[in-house]
N, C-alpha and C. Protein backbone atom coordinates (compact mmCIF):
# COMPACT_ATOMS: atom_id res chain seq x y z
N UNK A 1 1.00 -1.43 -0.04
CA UNK A 1 -0.14 -0.17 0.08
C UNK A 1 1.17 1.55 -0.07
N UNK A 2 0.39 2.56 -0.71
CA UNK A 2 1.41 3.86 -0.90
C UNK A 2 1.43 4.18 0.38
N UNK A 3 2.51 4.81 0.70
CA UNK A 3 2.48 5.89 1.88
C UNK A 3 1.76 6.54 1.67
N UNK A 4 0.92 7.17 3.40
CA UNK A 4 0.42 8.24 3.29
C UNK A 4 0.66 9.58 2.81
N UNK A 5 0.41 10.45 2.10
CA UNK A 5 0.98 11.90 2.06
C UNK A 5 0.57 12.85 3.14
N UNK A 6 0.91 14.00 3.87
CA UNK A 6 0.88 14.26 5.05
C UNK A 6 0.85 15.37 4.75
N UNK A 7 0.25 16.59 4.34
CA UNK A 7 0.37 17.94 4.40
C UNK A 7 1.30 18.80 5.90
N UNK A 8 2.16 19.49 5.52
CA UNK A 8 2.43 20.48 3.92
C UNK A 8 3.66 19.26 3.87
N UNK A 9 3.70 19.00 2.33
CA UNK A 9 4.60 17.87 1.78
C UNK A 9 5.88 18.81 1.73
N UNK A 10 6.86 18.45 1.80
CA UNK A 10 7.93 19.58 1.51
C UNK A 10 9.10 18.54 0.64
N UNK A 11 9.21 17.34 0.44
CA UNK A 11 9.96 16.50 -0.27
C UNK A 11 9.32 15.92 -0.84
N UNK A 12 9.43 16.33 -2.27
CA UNK A 12 8.35 16.52 -3.69
C UNK A 12 9.20 16.04 -4.69
N UNK A 13 10.27 15.76 -4.88
CA UNK A 13 11.15 15.19 -5.81
C UNK A 13 10.17 13.69 -6.41
N UNK A 14 9.95 12.74 -5.11
CA UNK A 14 9.62 11.19 -5.55
C UNK A 14 8.29 11.27 -6.07
N UNK A 15 7.43 12.77 -5.94
CA UNK A 15 6.35 12.48 -6.61
C UNK A 15 6.00 13.02 -8.33
N UNK A 16 7.08 13.43 -8.88
CA UNK A 16 7.73 13.94 -9.78
C UNK A 16 8.32 12.74 -10.69
N UNK A 17 8.55 13.30 -12.31
CA UNK A 17 9.63 12.03 -12.67
C UNK A 17 11.02 13.30 -13.16
N UNK A 18 10.68 14.26 -12.35
CA UNK A 18 12.66 15.46 -12.32
C UNK A 18 12.95 14.69 -11.17
N UNK A 19 14.36 15.93 -11.17
CA UNK A 19 14.84 16.34 -9.87
C UNK A 19 15.70 16.93 -10.06
N UNK A 20 16.27 17.01 -9.08
CA UNK A 20 17.27 18.69 -9.04
C UNK A 20 16.56 19.86 -9.44
N UNK A 21 16.93 20.61 -9.95
CA UNK A 21 16.60 22.11 -10.47
C UNK A 21 15.49 22.11 -11.03
N UNK A 22 15.42 21.08 -11.52
CA UNK A 22 13.67 21.12 -12.56
C UNK A 22 12.38 20.32 -11.29
N UNK A 23 13.32 20.18 -10.07
CA UNK A 23 11.54 20.06 -8.70
C UNK A 23 11.17 21.68 -9.01
N UNK A 24 9.84 22.01 -9.43
CA UNK A 24 9.97 24.02 -9.81
C UNK A 24 9.23 23.67 -8.38
N UNK A 25 8.24 23.22 -7.49
CA UNK A 25 7.66 23.15 -6.40
C UNK A 25 8.03 23.06 -5.17
N UNK A 26 7.79 23.71 -4.04
CA UNK A 26 8.62 23.94 -3.04
C UNK A 26 7.81 22.90 -1.90
N UNK A 27 6.61 22.77 -1.57
CA UNK A 27 6.16 22.40 -0.96
C UNK A 27 4.31 22.41 -1.21
N UNK A 28 3.68 21.16 -0.99
CA UNK A 28 2.46 21.12 -1.01
C UNK A 28 1.69 21.22 0.26
N UNK A 29 0.55 22.35 0.09
CA UNK A 29 0.18 22.78 1.28
C UNK A 29 -0.96 22.09 1.54
N UNK A 30 -1.75 21.72 0.89
CA UNK A 30 -2.72 20.88 0.89
C UNK A 30 -3.29 20.24 -0.12
N UNK A 31 -4.24 19.20 -0.15
CA UNK A 31 -4.72 18.99 -1.30
C UNK A 31 -5.80 18.03 -0.89
N UNK A 32 -6.97 18.01 -1.49
CA UNK A 32 -7.92 16.62 -1.73
C UNK A 32 -7.96 16.48 -3.16
N UNK A 33 -9.50 15.71 -3.28
CA UNK A 33 -9.97 15.09 -4.40
C UNK A 33 -9.78 16.01 -5.94
N UNK A 34 -9.98 16.92 -5.15
CA UNK A 34 -10.31 17.95 -7.07
C UNK A 34 -9.39 19.13 -6.94
N UNK A 35 -8.41 19.34 -6.08
CA UNK A 35 -7.42 20.25 -5.54
C UNK A 35 -6.56 20.03 -5.14
N UNK A 36 -5.23 21.00 -5.30
CA UNK A 36 -4.12 20.87 -4.96
C UNK A 36 -3.17 22.50 -4.74
N UNK A 37 -3.48 22.84 -3.74
CA UNK A 37 -2.52 24.08 -3.12
C UNK A 37 -0.94 23.70 -3.43
N UNK A 38 0.17 24.73 -3.80
CA UNK A 38 1.34 24.57 -3.41
C UNK A 38 2.25 25.79 -3.58
N UNK A 39 3.25 26.12 -2.74
CA UNK A 39 3.82 26.69 -3.22
C UNK A 39 5.53 26.85 -3.98
N UNK A 40 5.87 27.43 -4.42
CA UNK A 40 7.14 27.89 -5.70
C UNK A 40 7.48 29.01 -5.35
N UNK A 41 8.76 28.57 -4.82
CA UNK A 41 9.64 30.29 -5.05
C UNK A 41 10.50 30.27 -6.08
N UNK A 42 10.47 31.33 -6.38
CA UNK A 42 11.43 31.82 -7.87
C UNK A 42 12.25 33.14 -7.14
N UNK A 43 13.31 32.78 -7.48
CA UNK A 43 14.98 33.21 -6.41
C UNK A 43 15.23 33.84 -7.88
N UNK A 44 15.98 34.55 -7.72
CA UNK A 44 17.35 35.30 -8.71
C UNK A 44 18.25 34.00 -9.97
N UNK A 45 18.18 32.73 -8.90
CA UNK A 45 19.00 31.68 -10.04
C UNK A 45 18.17 30.43 -10.22
N UNK A 46 16.70 30.74 -10.05
CA UNK A 46 15.29 29.30 -10.51
C UNK A 46 15.91 29.41 -12.25
N UNK A 47 15.92 28.30 -12.60
CA UNK A 47 16.07 27.16 -13.57
C UNK A 47 15.56 28.01 -15.30
N UNK A 48 14.30 28.44 -14.78
CA UNK A 48 13.45 28.83 -15.59
C UNK A 48 13.78 30.56 -16.06
N UNK A 49 14.24 31.14 -14.66
CA UNK A 49 14.07 32.05 -15.65
C UNK A 49 15.31 33.14 -16.20
N UNK A 50 14.59 33.91 -17.26
CA UNK A 50 15.28 34.64 -18.52
C UNK A 50 15.48 35.92 -18.32
N UNK A 51 16.53 36.60 -18.18
CA UNK A 51 16.89 37.92 -17.72
C UNK A 51 16.18 38.98 -16.92
N UNK A 52 15.97 37.72 -15.88
CA UNK A 52 15.21 37.99 -14.87
C UNK A 52 14.37 38.45 -14.71
N UNK A 53 13.30 37.87 -15.23
CA UNK A 53 11.59 37.30 -15.68
C UNK A 53 11.77 36.09 -16.17
N UNK A 54 10.41 35.72 -15.28
CA UNK A 54 9.84 34.55 -15.51
C UNK A 54 9.06 33.97 -16.78
N UNK A 55 9.15 33.35 -17.26
CA UNK A 55 8.85 33.34 -19.14
C UNK A 55 7.38 32.88 -18.28
N UNK A 56 6.26 33.47 -19.05
CA UNK A 56 4.43 32.86 -19.15
C UNK A 56 5.00 31.07 -19.45
N UNK A 57 5.26 30.98 -19.84
CA UNK A 57 5.56 29.59 -20.50
C UNK A 57 5.91 28.63 -19.24
N UNK A 58 6.76 29.50 -18.64
CA UNK A 58 7.46 28.99 -17.54
C UNK A 58 6.07 28.52 -15.94
N UNK A 59 5.07 29.21 -16.20
CA UNK A 59 3.71 28.59 -15.40
C UNK A 59 3.39 27.53 -15.87
N UNK A 60 3.36 27.52 -17.27
CA UNK A 60 2.66 26.00 -17.54
C UNK A 60 3.27 25.15 -17.28
N UNK A 61 4.62 24.75 -16.75
CA UNK A 61 5.61 23.84 -16.90
C UNK A 61 5.39 23.33 -14.75
N UNK A 62 4.94 24.98 -14.36
CA UNK A 62 4.76 24.49 -12.84
C UNK A 62 3.75 23.99 -12.73
N UNK A 63 2.77 24.49 -13.41
CA UNK A 63 1.16 23.94 -13.48
C UNK A 63 1.45 22.24 -14.00
N UNK A 64 2.12 22.20 -14.85
CA UNK A 64 2.32 20.47 -15.01
C UNK A 64 3.09 19.52 -14.10
N UNK A 65 3.62 20.66 -13.31
CA UNK A 65 4.02 19.81 -12.11
C UNK A 65 2.77 19.26 -10.94
N UNK A 66 2.34 20.11 -10.57
CA UNK A 66 1.17 20.10 -9.94
C UNK A 66 0.14 18.95 -10.28
N UNK A 67 -0.05 18.94 -11.29
CA UNK A 67 -1.20 17.95 -12.34
C UNK A 67 -0.08 16.52 -11.96
N UNK A 68 0.75 16.85 -12.35
CA UNK A 68 1.96 15.29 -11.87
C UNK A 68 1.83 15.21 -10.65
N UNK A 69 1.78 16.14 -9.58
CA UNK A 69 1.54 15.77 -8.21
C UNK A 69 0.43 15.25 -7.65
N UNK A 70 -0.94 15.79 -8.05
CA UNK A 70 -2.03 15.29 -7.72
C UNK A 70 -2.51 14.29 -8.52
N UNK A 71 -1.85 13.70 -9.63
CA UNK A 71 -1.86 11.94 -9.91
C UNK A 71 -1.05 11.35 -8.92
N UNK A 72 0.09 11.35 -8.55
CA UNK A 72 0.64 10.71 -7.60
C UNK A 72 0.04 10.87 -5.91
N UNK A 73 -0.52 11.68 -5.48
CA UNK A 73 -0.96 11.52 -4.52
C UNK A 73 -2.47 11.23 -4.46
N UNK A 74 -2.86 11.20 -5.87
CA UNK A 74 -4.30 10.12 -5.82
C UNK A 74 -3.99 8.90 -5.67
N UNK A 75 -3.28 8.34 -6.19
CA UNK A 75 -3.06 6.70 -5.99
C UNK A 75 -2.36 6.61 -4.90
N UNK A 76 -2.50 7.40 -3.68
CA UNK A 76 -1.98 7.54 -1.99
C UNK A 76 -3.15 7.40 -1.36
N UNK A 77 -2.99 7.48 0.09
CA UNK A 77 -4.37 7.78 0.56
C UNK A 77 -3.91 8.26 1.34
N UNK A 78 -4.82 10.01 1.58
CA UNK A 78 -4.35 10.48 2.10
C UNK A 78 -5.14 11.29 3.51
N UNK A 79 -3.79 12.17 3.93
CA UNK A 79 -3.95 12.45 5.61
C UNK A 79 -4.05 14.04 5.20
N UNK A 80 -4.76 14.92 5.84
CA UNK A 80 -4.46 16.26 6.03
C UNK A 80 -4.09 16.63 7.37
N UNK A 81 -3.14 17.41 7.53
CA UNK A 81 -2.71 17.96 8.94
C UNK A 81 -3.85 19.37 9.33
């Protein structure tokens, strides 16, 4: 049986097909059957930053992370703190 995912989830890499700098979310603060709340810090060394700005398409990549994590979360029983 998959391990329960308890929020906040700060070790996100195992839920994604990415690792290292391509893990774009910092924390999942809450999730349920039809939603997921997460935080992402965009600092000056963010991998998708271009000339000091985050391109609009980077938002799509961050959102794709959210859907990948939501898929992983649905496969595991969940509990929210």
